[in-house]
N, C-alpha and C. Protein backbone atom coordinates (compact mmCIF):
# COMPACT_ATOMS: atom_id res chain seq x y z
N UNK A 1 -41.17 127.57 109.24
CA UNK A 1 -40.11 128.55 109.28
C UNK A 1 -38.77 127.90 109.54
N UNK A 2 -38.79 126.88 110.36
CA UNK A 2 -37.56 126.18 110.72
C UNK A 2 -36.96 125.47 109.50
N UNK A 3 -37.84 124.93 108.64
CA UNK A 3 -37.38 124.23 107.43
C UNK A 3 -36.68 125.20 106.48
N UNK A 4 -37.22 126.40 106.38
CA UNK A 4 -36.62 127.39 105.48
C UNK A 4 -35.25 127.81 106.00
N UNK A 5 -35.12 127.99 107.30
CA UNK A 5 -33.84 128.37 107.88
C UNK A 5 -32.80 127.27 107.69
N UNK A 6 -33.19 126.02 107.87
CA UNK A 6 -32.26 124.90 107.67
C UNK A 6 -31.87 124.81 106.20
N UNK A 7 -32.83 124.99 105.31
CA UNK A 7 -32.53 124.94 103.87
C UNK A 7 -31.58 126.06 103.47
N UNK A 8 -31.76 127.25 104.04
CA UNK A 8 -30.88 128.37 103.72
C UNK A 8 -29.47 128.11 104.23
N UNK A 9 -29.34 127.55 105.40
CA UNK A 9 -28.01 127.25 105.94
C UNK A 9 -27.33 126.17 105.11
N UNK A 10 -28.08 125.16 104.68
CA UNK A 10 -27.50 124.10 103.85
C UNK A 10 -27.07 124.65 102.49
N UNK A 11 -27.89 125.53 101.93
CA UNK A 11 -27.55 126.13 100.64
C UNK A 11 -26.30 126.99 100.77
N UNK A 12 -26.20 127.76 101.83
CA UNK A 12 -25.00 128.57 102.05
C UNK A 12 -23.78 127.69 102.26
N UNK A 13 -23.95 126.58 102.93
CA UNK A 13 -22.85 125.64 103.13
C UNK A 13 -22.36 125.03 101.83
N UNK A 14 -23.26 124.84 100.88
CA UNK A 14 -22.87 124.29 99.58
C UNK A 14 -22.21 125.35 98.69
N UNK A 15 -22.60 126.58 98.83
CA UNK A 15 -22.07 127.64 97.96
C UNK A 15 -20.72 128.17 98.42
N UNK A 16 -20.42 128.12 99.68
CA UNK A 16 -19.16 128.68 100.16
C UNK A 16 -17.93 127.97 99.59
N UNK A 17 -17.87 126.64 99.52
CA UNK A 17 -16.67 126.02 98.91
C UNK A 17 -16.51 126.39 97.44
N UNK A 18 -17.61 126.50 96.72
CA UNK A 18 -17.52 126.87 95.31
C UNK A 18 -17.01 128.29 95.16
N UNK A 19 -17.41 129.16 96.04
CA UNK A 19 -16.95 130.55 96.01
C UNK A 19 -15.47 130.64 96.36
N UNK A 20 -15.01 129.80 97.25
CA UNK A 20 -13.62 129.83 97.68
C UNK A 20 -12.67 129.34 96.59
N UNK A 21 -13.14 128.51 95.68
CA UNK A 21 -12.27 127.94 94.65
C UNK A 21 -12.07 128.87 93.46
N UNK A 22 -12.79 129.93 93.36
CA UNK A 22 -12.70 130.80 92.19
C UNK A 22 -11.36 131.52 92.08
N UNK A 23 -10.68 131.82 93.15
CA UNK A 23 -9.45 132.59 93.08
C UNK A 23 -8.20 131.79 92.85
N UNK A 24 -8.25 130.47 92.80
CA UNK A 24 -7.05 129.63 92.69
C UNK A 24 -6.40 129.66 91.32
N UNK A 25 -7.12 129.93 90.29
CA UNK A 25 -6.62 129.72 88.94
C UNK A 25 -6.15 131.00 88.25
N UNK A 26 -5.88 132.06 88.98
CA UNK A 26 -5.45 133.31 88.36
C UNK A 26 -4.07 133.19 87.71
N UNK A 27 -3.13 132.52 88.35
CA UNK A 27 -1.78 132.37 87.79
C UNK A 27 -1.81 131.51 86.54
N UNK A 28 -2.61 130.46 86.56
CA UNK A 28 -2.70 129.60 85.38
C UNK A 28 -3.38 130.33 84.23
N UNK A 29 -4.40 131.12 84.54
CA UNK A 29 -5.08 131.88 83.50
C UNK A 29 -4.15 132.91 82.87
N UNK A 30 -3.33 133.55 83.68
CA UNK A 30 -2.39 134.53 83.15
C UNK A 30 -1.36 133.84 82.25
N UNK A 31 -0.90 132.66 82.64
CA UNK A 31 0.07 131.93 81.82
C UNK A 31 -0.57 131.49 80.50
N UNK A 32 -1.81 131.04 80.56
CA UNK A 32 -2.51 130.63 79.33
C UNK A 32 -2.72 131.83 78.41
N UNK A 33 -3.04 132.97 79.00
CA UNK A 33 -3.25 134.17 78.20
C UNK A 33 -1.94 134.60 77.54
N UNK A 34 -0.83 134.54 78.29
CA UNK A 34 0.47 134.88 77.73
C UNK A 34 0.82 133.93 76.59
N UNK A 35 0.57 132.63 76.78
CA UNK A 35 0.86 131.66 75.73
C UNK A 35 0.01 131.91 74.49
N UNK A 36 -1.24 132.26 74.71
CA UNK A 36 -2.12 132.54 73.58
C UNK A 36 -1.66 133.77 72.82
N UNK A 37 -1.23 134.80 73.53
CA UNK A 37 -0.73 136.00 72.86
C UNK A 37 0.54 135.71 72.07
N UNK A 38 1.43 134.90 72.63
CA UNK A 38 2.65 134.52 71.93
C UNK A 38 2.32 133.73 70.67
N UNK A 39 1.39 132.81 70.79
CA UNK A 39 0.99 132.00 69.64
C UNK A 39 0.36 132.88 68.56
N UNK A 40 -0.45 133.85 68.95
CA UNK A 40 -1.05 134.77 67.98
C UNK A 40 0.01 135.59 67.26
N UNK A 41 1.02 136.05 68.00
CA UNK A 41 2.10 136.82 67.37
C UNK A 41 2.86 135.96 66.37
N UNK A 42 3.14 134.72 66.74
CA UNK A 42 3.84 133.82 65.83
C UNK A 42 3.01 133.55 64.59
N UNK A 43 1.72 133.37 64.76
CA UNK A 43 0.83 133.10 63.63
C UNK A 43 0.80 134.29 62.67
N UNK A 44 0.70 135.50 63.23
CA UNK A 44 0.67 136.69 62.38
C UNK A 44 1.99 136.88 61.65
N UNK A 45 3.11 136.55 62.32
CA UNK A 45 4.41 136.67 61.68
C UNK A 45 4.53 135.69 60.51
N UNK A 46 4.08 134.47 60.72
CA UNK A 46 4.13 133.46 59.65
C UNK A 46 3.23 133.88 58.49
N UNK A 47 2.08 134.44 58.78
CA UNK A 47 1.21 134.90 57.70
C UNK A 47 1.86 135.99 56.88
N UNK A 48 2.60 136.87 57.52
CA UNK A 48 3.28 137.93 56.78
C UNK A 48 4.43 137.39 55.96
N UNK A 49 5.06 136.31 56.40
CA UNK A 49 6.20 135.76 55.69
C UNK A 49 5.81 134.86 54.53
N UNK A 50 4.57 134.40 54.49
CA UNK A 50 4.17 133.51 53.41
C UNK A 50 4.17 134.26 52.10
N UNK A 51 4.44 133.53 51.05
CA UNK A 51 4.50 134.12 49.73
C UNK A 51 3.09 134.40 49.23
N UNK A 52 2.79 135.66 48.98
CA UNK A 52 1.45 136.02 48.55
C UNK A 52 1.31 136.06 47.04
N UNK A 53 2.39 135.73 46.33
CA UNK A 53 2.33 135.76 44.88
C UNK A 53 1.84 134.44 44.30
N UNK A 54 1.75 133.41 45.12
CA UNK A 54 1.28 132.13 44.62
C UNK A 54 -0.21 132.23 44.31
N UNK A 55 -0.64 131.56 43.28
CA UNK A 55 -2.06 131.65 42.93
C UNK A 55 -2.92 130.99 44.02
N UNK A 56 -4.00 131.63 44.30
CA UNK A 56 -4.88 131.08 45.33
C UNK A 56 -5.78 130.00 44.77
N UNK A 57 -6.10 130.08 43.50
CA UNK A 57 -6.96 129.07 42.89
C UNK A 57 -6.10 128.18 41.99
N UNK A 58 -6.13 126.92 42.26
CA UNK A 58 -5.42 125.97 41.41
C UNK A 58 -6.41 125.00 40.83
N UNK A 59 -6.12 124.55 39.65
CA UNK A 59 -6.99 123.61 38.96
C UNK A 59 -6.29 122.25 38.95
N UNK A 60 -6.76 121.30 39.75
CA UNK A 60 -6.09 120.00 39.78
C UNK A 60 -6.25 119.21 38.49
N UNK A 61 -7.20 119.59 37.66
CA UNK A 61 -7.45 118.86 36.42
C UNK A 61 -6.85 119.58 35.21
N UNK A 62 -5.96 120.53 35.43
CA UNK A 62 -5.46 121.32 34.31
C UNK A 62 -4.69 120.49 33.29
N UNK A 63 -4.03 119.44 33.70
CA UNK A 63 -3.29 118.61 32.76
C UNK A 63 -4.18 117.63 32.02
N UNK A 64 -5.37 117.42 32.49
CA UNK A 64 -6.27 116.47 31.86
C UNK A 64 -7.07 117.10 30.72
N UNK A 65 -7.28 118.39 30.78
CA UNK A 65 -8.05 119.07 29.75
C UNK A 65 -7.11 119.59 28.67
N UNK A 66 -7.61 119.66 27.50
CA UNK A 66 -6.85 120.26 26.41
C UNK A 66 -7.09 121.76 26.38
N UNK A 67 -6.36 122.45 25.53
CA UNK A 67 -6.60 123.87 25.37
C UNK A 67 -7.83 124.05 24.49
N UNK A 68 -8.18 125.28 24.23
CA UNK A 68 -9.37 125.52 23.41
C UNK A 68 -9.15 125.05 21.97
N UNK A 69 -7.92 125.12 21.49
CA UNK A 69 -7.63 124.70 20.12
C UNK A 69 -7.38 123.20 20.03
N UNK A 70 -7.01 122.59 21.11
CA UNK A 70 -6.66 121.18 21.13
C UNK A 70 -7.80 120.37 21.74
N UNK A 71 -8.14 119.23 21.14
CA UNK A 71 -9.21 118.42 21.74
C UNK A 71 -8.73 117.78 23.05
N UNK A 72 -9.63 117.41 23.92
CA UNK A 72 -9.23 116.78 25.19
C UNK A 72 -8.53 115.45 24.95
N UNK A 73 -7.66 115.07 25.88
CA UNK A 73 -6.92 113.82 25.76
C UNK A 73 -7.86 112.65 25.95
N UNK A 74 -7.65 111.58 25.21
CA UNK A 74 -8.52 110.40 25.38
C UNK A 74 -8.26 109.72 26.72
N UNK A 75 -9.28 109.10 27.24
CA UNK A 75 -9.14 108.38 28.51
C UNK A 75 -8.40 107.08 28.30
N UNK A 76 -7.65 106.70 29.33
CA UNK A 76 -6.96 105.41 29.29
C UNK A 76 -7.79 104.44 30.10
N UNK A 77 -8.06 103.30 29.52
CA UNK A 77 -8.85 102.28 30.24
C UNK A 77 -8.00 101.26 30.86
C-alpha cells in the first residue's frame, strides 16, 4: 500500500508542472490566429484580383506540332 501511495504522489508531482504550463501561450496563440486570419484575407483578395480569363490549360508543345492541314515540323539534329 505504501508503494502505491508513493507512486501516486510522484505521478502527481510530475503532472503538476505540465498542467501549470498550459496557460502561458494564450497571447501567442491569439497573435498567431490573428496573423493567420490576416493572411487568409490577403490570399482571398489576391485570388479575386487574378485574371480569370487566362486559359487554364496550356500546351507547351503547341509550336512544335503542325496544324491538321500542315505536316509536323521536322526535327533538328
